[in-house]
Amino acid sequence: MFWILKRITHILTISFLQGCSYLNKEEAKDKVKHEISLKFGWDYNVKRRKFGIPEIPLKGWKAHYVIIDGLVGISTYGEDKFDPTMDTNARYSGKEIYFYTKELKPIREIDLYYSGKRYMDRDPDQYGWERLQIENDFLTDTLQKKDNHSNNSVLHTDLVKGRTKAYLYSPEFIPRSPLPQADTTDKDGMIMLKEVLLSLVQADSVLNSWGIKR
């Protein structure tokens, strides 16, 4: 009987120590993520001002999440009380910073602007919002040669230092292909958000039409 109790005590002790080790690792990860969100958040506004990139607002915004995915990680920021399923105001809504996870070096920054109009698009991340996305590259590199197995979309593009690109995601009606002898009309189909590459002049014009600016 004694050896059974001793065995159980041994197992429980190992389980407890493993649990403590797991918690310590998670706490360490959370600490690193917090430091990253600070590094590329408001502390980085000085450099954004130098590069002519929109700064993270001092009020009404917060750090959302940090993801470390192999070679490249992402730190995101946005409105504190923004509800993407309810808000219909045109706004500057979010910022994403991509960085090398090893050196904690920023490689690309993306600013997100919303028109306030929402469509029934099959887009779980953006909730079907008509939006403008402006990208700024901080260095020149070909990432897919380094890590071509990652799902991180940034790794499938080339980076060019100083390059700025703008993309408009605007609604486009996609008609449903009618089946033989089916009773369909031109209204059958769905709205998709089509990606359109814009110049910065065109991007500014779009933002002005929404009543906002960079």
Foldseek 3Di string as FASTA:
>chain_A
DVVVVVVVVVVVVVVVVVVVVVVVVVVVVVVVFVVLLVVPAQVCQVVCVVLVHDHDDPPQKDWDGKADFPQKIKTKMFGPPDDLVDFQAWDFTMKMWMAGPVVSHTFKMKTKTFLSDAFPAPDVPNRRTWIKMKMAGQDWDQQCVPPVPTPPPVNRDTGHHGDMWMKTFQKDWDADDDDVPDDDDRPHTGIHTDIDIDDVVVVQVVQVVSVHGD
